[in-house]
Amino acid sequence: MKLSFLDPLFSRPGPWASVHLDTSRDIDEPDKAIDLRWRHLRDSLRDQGTDAATVSVLDAAVGTGRDLPGRYGQALFAAHGRLVLVADLPDPPVRDTARFDDLPDTLPLAMQRAPDIPYVAVALTRGVSDEKDEKDETSEYVSVVAESGRWPVSRVAPGPRLDRVVPVEEWPRTASRIAEEVDELAARHGAEVVVLRRDEGDPWLSGVLVNRMPIHLQNRATVVESSPGTAADTTTPGRPLMEREVARTLDGRLSGPDRLQLDTFLAQRARHRQKSEGVPAAVTALQRGRARALLLTRSPRLPERLWLGAEPHQVALSAEELETFGVKSVRDQPADAALLHAAARTGAELIVLDPDRVPLTDGVGVLLRYREPGDMAVE
């Protein structure tokens, strides 16, 4: 997963006020609950020395997106009285946090964006029109709703949607045009997966559409059947199309680029384990600008602090280590923020892994980049 979405935070100087807050609306009187949580965090920011202007801009932004149903959270970042980034979180944070420090507290947000899989969801539904034809008979139609998204962020930020209604008798002729539209939507948003839902026990509609898709799209398609009560999710405001089916299809997966990088990492680790996993290995790679990707499990075991200099690659386990490199001005920062800051600013990507599937020392790994094939051997 690329970290360019964090560029607005790393291109400005701190100190930063970072807030991660449960803003779920699946409870009675959610506004009161959100206000109470925010009040505690606001007091914490003031105790940490946050300036009044920065607290004020956060105060105005907390709880925005009030029409969004369900359970979710919010991440907010502000500095010097300016609100820089507000992002809805697909899940509430494990705990509400507020931090005021030189670096923004970005790891919880980044973790929630992973695996960042682009997809298209397509819902096919057969219905009966309320209007009658000239023979005083009702007619059947096919409803086609398609939506692009990036999983799991699409749970709180659904993408563009197309909506078509086609008479059943015209479906074999019209399906080719619908297939072209779905292909254009998938190409425009780089979709790796197409999740196609059909009515239970009605394979004809989906079969016609899939057969008219280009081969590359057919190879990405997963067909699922609807369950009772799912038809309504095509019109629920603020919710993604086919959320449950998309979750079942994509949960536990990595994006295509991340899968390729993981395969490369596993081959690298088989030859050079000490250079591939653990906090010291990751820090060393970042120091040398050799980190192609930082790999983290969902609960990495990080030290409390890391030390930084002014340059992106100046990160170390101790102040003394940086000083031996001739770094004059050093500062310590929370390790999670420091690692992600160094990764993003040196051009590394982030891959978030299930610790049960890919166990790593400290829950940390690093995929190395090399200019020449022999570089690893000579280090």
Protein backbone atom coordinates (compact mmCIF):
# COMPACT_ATOMS: atom_id res chain seq x y z
CA MET A 1 0.00 0.00 0.00
CA LYS A 2 1.41 3.36 -1.02
CA LEU A 3 1.64 6.00 1.71
CA SER A 4 1.10 9.05 -0.49
CA PHE A 5 -2.20 9.78 1.30
CA LEU A 6 -0.04 10.88 4.26
CA ASP A 7 1.92 13.45 2.23
CA PRO A 8 -0.13 16.42 3.55
CA LEU A 9 0.97 15.48 7.06
CA PHE A 10 4.64 14.91 6.33
CA SER A 11 5.11 18.00 4.15
CA ARG A 12 4.36 20.40 7.03
CA PRO A 13 6.22 20.98 10.29
CA GLY A 14 4.70 20.07 13.64
CA PRO A 15 3.87 19.88 16.38
CA TRP A 16 0.76 17.91 15.44
CA ALA A 17 -2.47 17.24 17.26
CA SER A 18 -3.67 13.76 16.24
CA VAL A 19 -7.07 12.40 17.27
CA HIS A 20 -8.59 8.95 16.76
CA LEU A 21 -12.16 8.83 17.99
CA ASP A 22 -15.12 6.41 18.00
CA THR A 23 -17.91 8.27 16.17
CA SER A 24 -20.31 5.33 15.78
CA ARG A 25 -23.99 6.10 15.40
CA ASP A 26 -25.45 2.67 16.22
CA ILE A 27 -26.38 3.67 19.79
CA ASP A 28 -29.00 5.82 21.47
CA GLU A 29 -28.09 9.52 21.52
CA PRO A 30 -24.83 9.13 19.55
CA ASP A 31 -24.17 12.87 19.49
CA LYS A 32 -24.00 12.98 23.28
CA ALA A 33 -21.65 9.97 23.35
CA ILE A 34 -19.36 11.51 20.73
CA ASP A 35 -19.31 14.86 22.52
CA LEU A 36 -18.39 13.16 25.80
CA ARG A 37 -15.55 11.20 24.21
CA TRP A 38 -14.25 14.30 22.48
CA ARG A 39 -14.43 16.33 25.71
CA HIS A 40 -12.00 13.89 27.37
CA LEU A 41 -9.65 13.99 24.38
CA ARG A 42 -9.84 17.78 24.16
CA ASP A 43 -8.84 18.06 27.80
CA SER A 44 -5.96 15.67 27.15
CA LEU A 45 -4.71 17.77 24.22
CA ARG A 46 -4.80 20.91 26.35
CA ASP A 47 -2.88 19.14 29.11
CA GLN A 48 -0.25 18.16 26.53
CA GLY A 49 0.20 21.82 25.57
CA THR A 50 -1.83 22.04 22.37
CA ASP A 51 -2.46 25.65 21.36
CA ALA A 52 -6.01 27.00 21.52
CA ALA A 53 -6.33 27.59 17.76
CA THR A 54 -5.51 23.97 16.96
CA VAL A 55 -7.95 22.68 19.56
CA SER A 56 -10.60 24.98 18.11
CA VAL A 57 -10.32 23.68 14.53
CA LEU A 58 -10.52 20.12 15.80
CA ASP A 59 -13.54 21.03 17.90
CA ALA A 60 -15.37 22.18 14.78
CA ALA A 61 -14.51 19.02 12.79
CA VAL A 62 -15.19 16.25 15.31
CA GLY A 63 -18.33 14.29 14.50
CA THR A 64 -18.78 15.61 10.98
CA GLY A 65 -20.36 13.11 8.62
CA ARG A 66 -23.28 12.72 11.02
CA ASP A 67 -25.49 11.03 8.42
CA LEU A 68 -23.14 8.05 8.13
CA PRO A 69 -24.88 5.03 9.71
CA GLY A 70 -23.31 2.18 11.69
CA ARG A 71 -20.04 1.69 13.54
CA TYR A 72 -17.01 3.67 12.44
CA GLY A 73 -14.45 6.17 13.67
CA GLN A 74 -12.71 9.37 12.74
CA ALA A 75 -9.07 10.41 12.47
CA LEU A 76 -8.22 14.12 12.58
CA PHE A 77 -4.89 15.92 12.24
CA ALA A 78 -4.21 19.61 12.85
CA ALA A 79 -1.19 21.83 13.35
CA HIS A 80 -0.67 25.55 14.02
CA GLY A 81 -4.39 26.24 14.04
CA ARG A 82 -5.00 24.54 10.68
CA LEU A 83 -7.02 21.38 10.08
CA VAL A 84 -4.97 19.36 7.59
CA LEU A 85 -6.65 15.95 7.31
CA VAL A 86 -9.94 14.40 8.40
CA ALA A 87 -10.62 10.76 7.54
CA ASP A 88 -13.49 8.46 8.46
CA LEU A 89 -12.30 5.10 9.78
CA PRO A 90 -14.02 1.86 8.65
CA ASP A 91 -13.98 0.65 12.28
CA PRO A 92 -13.95 2.49 15.58
CA PRO A 93 -10.42 2.78 16.99
CA VAL A 94 -9.50 0.18 19.61
CA ARG A 95 -9.37 3.10 22.04
CA ASP A 96 -9.87 6.84 21.68
CA THR A 97 -6.54 8.67 21.55
CA ALA A 98 -5.28 12.24 21.39
CA ARG A 99 -1.59 12.99 20.93
CA PHE A 100 0.31 16.28 20.60
CA ASP A 101 3.84 15.71 19.35
CA ASP A 102 6.35 16.63 16.67
CA LEU A 103 5.10 13.85 14.38
CA PRO A 104 1.48 13.03 13.53
CA ASP A 105 0.16 9.75 14.97
CA THR A 106 -0.56 8.13 11.60
CA LEU A 107 -0.23 4.38 12.18
CA PRO A 108 -3.84 3.74 13.33
CA LEU A 109 -5.14 5.46 10.20
CA ALA A 110 -2.75 3.59 7.91
CA MET A 111 -3.62 0.24 9.50
CA GLN A 112 -7.31 0.85 8.86
CA ARG A 113 -6.75 1.65 5.18
CA ALA A 114 -5.03 -1.68 4.51
CA PRO A 115 -5.26 -3.81 2.40
CA ASP A 116 -6.57 -1.05 0.09
CA ILE A 117 -7.96 -3.33 -2.63
CA PRO A 118 -9.69 -1.57 -5.56
CA TYR A 119 -12.86 -3.41 -6.62
CA VAL A 120 -16.21 -3.09 -8.35
CA ALA A 121 -19.43 -4.48 -6.83
CA VAL A 122 -22.32 -5.35 -9.15
CA ALA A 123 -25.81 -6.18 -7.86
CA LEU A 124 -28.23 -7.89 -10.27
CA THR A 125 -31.86 -8.04 -9.16
CA ARG A 126 -34.95 -9.26 -10.98
CA GLY A 127 -38.07 -7.21 -10.21
CA VAL A 128 -41.66 -6.70 -11.30
CA SER A 129 -42.82 -3.31 -12.57
CA ASP A 130 -45.80 -1.60 -10.93
CA GLU A 131 -46.97 -0.46 -14.34
CA LYS A 132 -48.95 -2.77 -16.64
CA ASP A 133 -48.49 -3.15 -20.35
CA GLU A 134 -51.16 -2.86 -23.03
CA LYS A 135 -52.26 -6.42 -22.28
CA ASP A 136 -52.88 -5.41 -18.67
CA GLU A 137 -49.95 -7.55 -17.53
CA THR A 138 -47.05 -6.61 -15.31
CA SER A 139 -43.56 -6.84 -16.78
CA GLU A 140 -40.28 -8.01 -15.31
CA TYR A 141 -37.12 -5.95 -15.29
CA VAL A 142 -33.46 -6.35 -14.38
CA SER A 143 -31.94 -3.81 -11.99
CA VAL A 144 -28.18 -3.37 -12.36
CA VAL A 145 -26.33 -1.33 -9.74
CA ALA A 146 -22.53 -1.14 -9.88
CA GLU A 147 -20.14 0.73 -7.60
CA SER A 148 -16.39 1.09 -7.40
CA GLY A 149 -14.50 1.28 -4.13
CA ARG A 150 -11.28 0.57 -2.27
CA TRP A 151 -11.66 -1.98 0.48
CA PRO A 152 -12.07 -1.36 3.39
CA VAL A 153 -12.21 2.47 3.14
CA SER A 154 -15.27 2.16 0.90
CA ARG A 155 -17.26 1.21 4.01
CA VAL A 156 -17.21 4.89 4.93
CA ALA A 157 -16.41 6.40 1.51
CA PRO A 158 -18.25 4.57 -1.29
CA GLY A 159 -17.09 5.30 -4.81
CA PRO A 160 -18.92 6.25 -8.04
CA ARG A 161 -22.04 4.26 -8.85
CA LEU A 162 -24.00 3.44 -12.00
CA ASP A 163 -27.67 2.42 -11.97
CA ARG A 164 -29.51 0.80 -14.88
CA VAL A 165 -32.95 -0.78 -15.32
CA VAL A 166 -33.53 -3.11 -18.27
CA PRO A 167 -36.66 -5.05 -19.30
CA VAL A 168 -36.01 -8.77 -18.88
CA GLU A 169 -36.78 -9.51 -22.54
CA GLU A 170 -34.07 -7.02 -23.57
CA TRP A 171 -31.44 -8.36 -21.18
CA PRO A 172 -29.59 -10.63 -23.66
CA ARG A 173 -29.15 -7.67 -26.05
CA THR A 174 -28.47 -4.98 -23.43
CA ALA A 175 -26.07 -7.02 -21.28
CA SER A 176 -23.21 -6.35 -23.70
CA ARG A 177 -23.54 -2.61 -23.16
CA ILE A 178 -23.79 -3.09 -19.38
CA ALA A 179 -20.66 -5.26 -19.46
CA GLU A 180 -18.82 -2.45 -21.30
CA GLU A 181 -19.92 0.07 -18.68
CA VAL A 182 -18.76 -2.18 -15.84
CA ASP A 183 -15.43 -2.70 -17.64
CA GLU A 184 -15.00 1.07 -18.02
CA LEU A 185 -15.79 1.59 -14.33
CA ALA A 186 -13.29 -1.12 -13.36
CA ALA A 187 -10.58 0.29 -15.64
CA ARG A 188 -11.12 3.86 -14.43
CA HIS A 189 -10.55 2.84 -10.82
CA GLY A 190 -8.01 0.04 -11.35
CA ALA A 191 -10.29 -2.66 -9.93
CA GLU A 192 -8.59 -5.95 -9.15
CA VAL A 193 -11.82 -7.77 -8.25
CA VAL A 194 -15.43 -7.71 -9.48
CA VAL A 195 -17.94 -9.02 -6.93
CA LEU A 196 -21.18 -9.88 -8.74
CA ARG A 197 -24.30 -10.63 -6.72
CA ARG A 198 -27.28 -12.38 -8.25
CA ASP A 199 -30.66 -13.40 -6.87
CA GLU A 200 -30.60 -16.74 -5.13
CA GLY A 201 -31.45 -19.54 -7.56
CA ASP A 202 -31.36 -17.26 -10.61
CA PRO A 203 -28.06 -17.87 -12.44
CA TRP A 204 -29.33 -16.78 -15.87
CA LEU A 205 -28.95 -13.02 -15.32
CA SER A 206 -25.36 -13.26 -14.08
CA GLY A 207 -24.45 -15.89 -16.67
CA VAL A 208 -25.54 -13.61 -19.51
CA LEU A 209 -23.60 -10.64 -18.10
CA VAL A 210 -20.40 -12.56 -17.30
CA ASN A 211 -20.35 -14.18 -20.75
CA ARG A 212 -20.39 -10.73 -22.33
CA MET A 213 -17.56 -9.36 -20.22
CA PRO A 214 -14.06 -9.20 -21.72
CA ILE A 215 -11.85 -12.10 -20.63
CA HIS A 216 -9.71 -9.98 -18.31
CA LEU A 217 -12.83 -8.93 -16.40
CA GLN A 218 -14.26 -12.46 -16.33
CA ASN A 219 -11.03 -13.62 -14.69
CA ARG A 220 -11.49 -11.06 -11.89
CA ALA A 221 -15.17 -11.85 -11.28
CA THR A 222 -16.51 -13.60 -8.18
CA VAL A 223 -20.21 -14.49 -8.31
CA VAL A 224 -22.16 -14.68 -5.04
CA GLU A 225 -25.85 -15.20 -4.31
CA SER A 226 -28.00 -12.77 -2.36
CA SER A 227 -29.37 -13.63 1.04
CA PRO A 228 -32.69 -12.43 2.50
CA GLY A 229 -32.75 -8.69 3.17
CA THR A 230 -29.75 -7.74 1.03
CA ALA A 231 -31.65 -6.03 -1.77
CA ALA A 232 -32.18 -2.92 0.39
CA ASP A 233 -28.45 -2.18 0.59
CA THR A 234 -28.53 -0.77 -2.96
CA THR A 235 -30.29 2.33 -1.64
CA THR A 236 -28.94 2.78 1.91
CA PRO A 237 -27.44 6.31 2.01
CA GLY A 238 -23.79 6.45 3.02
CA ARG A 239 -23.23 2.70 2.92
CA PRO A 240 -21.33 0.84 0.20
CA LEU A 241 -23.09 -1.44 -2.21
CA MET A 242 -23.02 -5.12 -1.15
CA GLU A 243 -20.95 -4.44 1.95
CA ARG A 244 -21.37 -7.94 3.40
CA GLU A 245 -20.60 -9.76 0.15
CA VAL A 246 -17.56 -7.58 -0.54
CA ALA A 247 -16.30 -8.15 3.00
CA ARG A 248 -16.65 -11.93 2.68
CA THR A 249 -14.82 -11.84 -0.63
CA LEU A 250 -11.96 -9.49 0.27
CA ASP A 251 -11.35 -9.89 4.02
CA GLY A 252 -8.01 -11.60 4.58
CA ARG A 253 -6.69 -10.78 1.11
CA LEU A 254 -3.84 -8.52 0.10
CA SER A 255 -3.90 -6.27 -2.91
CA GLY A 256 -2.19 -7.58 -6.03
CA PRO A 257 0.96 -5.43 -5.64
CA ASP A 258 1.20 -6.32 -1.94
CA ARG A 259 0.95 -10.05 -2.73
CA LEU A 260 3.82 -9.78 -5.18
CA GLN A 261 5.93 -7.88 -2.66
CA LEU A 262 5.12 -10.39 0.08
CA ASP A 263 6.27 -13.25 -2.17
CA THR A 264 9.52 -11.38 -2.81
CA PHE A 265 9.92 -10.73 0.92
CA LEU A 266 9.42 -14.41 1.81
CA ALA A 267 12.13 -15.41 -0.68
CA GLN A 268 14.43 -12.72 0.75
CA ARG A 269 13.74 -13.84 4.34
CA ALA A 270 14.54 -17.45 3.47
CA ARG A 271 18.08 -16.35 2.56
CA HIS A 272 18.68 -13.44 4.94
CA ARG A 273 16.37 -13.62 7.96
CA GLN A 274 18.35 -11.21 10.17
CA LYS A 275 18.17 -8.48 7.52
CA SER A 276 14.49 -9.10 6.87
CA GLU A 277 12.60 -9.01 10.15
CA GLY A 278 12.61 -7.31 13.51
CA VAL A 279 12.77 -3.64 14.48
CA PRO A 280 16.60 -3.38 14.15
CA ALA A 281 16.48 -4.75 10.58
CA ALA A 282 13.76 -2.30 9.58
CA VAL A 283 15.58 0.67 11.14
CA THR A 284 18.84 -0.28 9.42
CA ALA A 285 17.14 -0.52 6.04
CA LEU A 286 15.44 2.85 6.51
CA GLN A 287 18.75 4.45 7.50
CA ARG A 288 20.31 3.28 4.24
CA GLY A 289 17.31 4.18 2.08
CA ARG A 290 17.00 0.52 1.18
CA ALA A 291 13.46 -0.16 2.43
CA ARG A 292 11.16 -0.96 -0.46
CA ALA A 293 8.30 -1.87 1.86
CA LEU A 294 7.73 -1.92 5.61
CA LEU A 295 5.76 -4.97 6.76
CA LEU A 296 3.79 -4.79 10.00
CA THR A 297 1.43 -7.21 11.65
CA ARG A 298 -1.79 -5.88 13.16
CA SER A 299 -0.20 -5.72 16.63
CA PRO A 300 3.54 -5.07 16.22
CA ARG A 301 5.76 -5.13 19.31
CA LEU A 302 7.57 -1.83 18.96
CA PRO A 303 9.88 -0.05 21.38
CA GLU A 304 8.41 2.95 23.11
CA ARG A 305 10.58 5.51 21.31
CA LEU A 306 12.88 5.87 18.31
CA TRP A 307 15.32 8.68 17.58
CA LEU A 308 15.21 10.96 14.56
CA GLY A 309 17.32 13.61 12.89
CA ALA A 310 16.26 16.22 10.37
CA GLU A 311 16.60 14.03 7.25
CA PRO A 312 14.14 11.27 6.27
CA HIS A 313 16.69 8.45 6.64
CA GLN A 314 17.95 9.64 10.03
CA VAL A 315 16.18 7.16 12.30
CA ALA A 316 17.81 5.02 14.99
CA LEU A 317 17.24 2.96 18.11
CA SER A 318 19.25 5.42 20.22
CA ALA A 319 20.50 8.98 20.18
CA GLU A 320 24.10 7.72 20.35
CA GLU A 321 23.64 5.78 17.12
CA LEU A 322 22.60 8.93 15.24
CA GLU A 323 25.38 10.95 16.80
CA THR A 324 27.97 8.47 15.49
CA PHE A 325 26.66 9.29 12.01
CA GLY A 326 27.37 12.97 12.65
CA VAL A 327 23.79 14.02 13.25
CA LYS A 328 23.89 17.12 15.45
CA SER A 329 20.24 17.61 16.38
CA VAL A 330 18.30 14.52 17.49
CA ARG A 331 14.86 14.01 19.05
CA ASP A 332 12.97 11.02 20.31
CA GLN A 333 9.47 10.22 19.05
CA PRO A 334 6.92 7.43 19.56
CA ALA A 335 8.21 4.44 17.62
CA ASP A 336 5.03 3.82 15.60
CA ALA A 337 4.93 7.39 14.30
CA ALA A 338 8.68 7.45 13.67
CA LEU A 339 8.69 4.21 11.65
CA LEU A 340 5.84 5.28 9.40
CA HIS A 341 7.32 8.76 8.99
CA ALA A 342 10.67 7.32 7.90
CA ALA A 343 9.00 4.79 5.59
CA ALA A 344 6.82 7.37 3.85
CA ARG A 345 9.57 9.96 3.47
CA THR A 346 12.07 7.45 2.04
CA GLY A 347 9.54 6.11 -0.50
CA ALA A 348 8.76 2.80 1.18
CA GLU A 349 5.29 1.24 1.06
CA LEU A 350 3.36 -0.39 3.89
CA ILE A 351 2.06 -3.98 3.94
CA VAL A 352 -0.18 -4.97 6.85
CA LEU A 353 -0.23 -8.70 7.62
CA ASP A 354 -2.15 -11.17 9.73
CA PRO A 355 0.35 -12.36 12.39
CA ASP A 356 -1.09 -15.88 12.28
CA ARG A 357 -0.39 -16.18 8.56
CA VAL A 358 2.98 -14.43 8.42
CA PRO A 359 4.63 -14.32 11.85
CA LEU A 360 7.46 -11.79 12.11
CA THR A 361 9.99 -10.99 14.81
CA ASP A 362 8.57 -7.96 16.68
CA GLY A 363 5.72 -8.05 14.16
CA VAL A 364 8.01 -6.09 11.80
CA GLY A 365 9.60 -6.95 8.48
CA VAL A 366 11.31 -5.05 5.69
CA LEU A 367 11.52 -5.77 1.97
CA LEU A 368 14.81 -4.43 0.70
CA ARG A 369 15.54 -2.62 -2.53
CA TYR A 370 18.90 -3.13 -4.23
CA ARG A 371 20.56 -1.47 -7.15
CA GLU A 372 22.52 -4.58 -8.16
CA PRO A 373 21.77 -8.31 -7.67
CA GLY A 374 24.97 -8.76 -5.67
CA ASP A 375 24.30 -5.98 -3.16
CA MET A 376 22.79 -8.30 -0.53
CA ALA A 377 25.71 -10.67 -0.66
CA VAL A 378 28.38 -8.05 -0.06
CA GLU A 379 26.73 -6.37 2.94
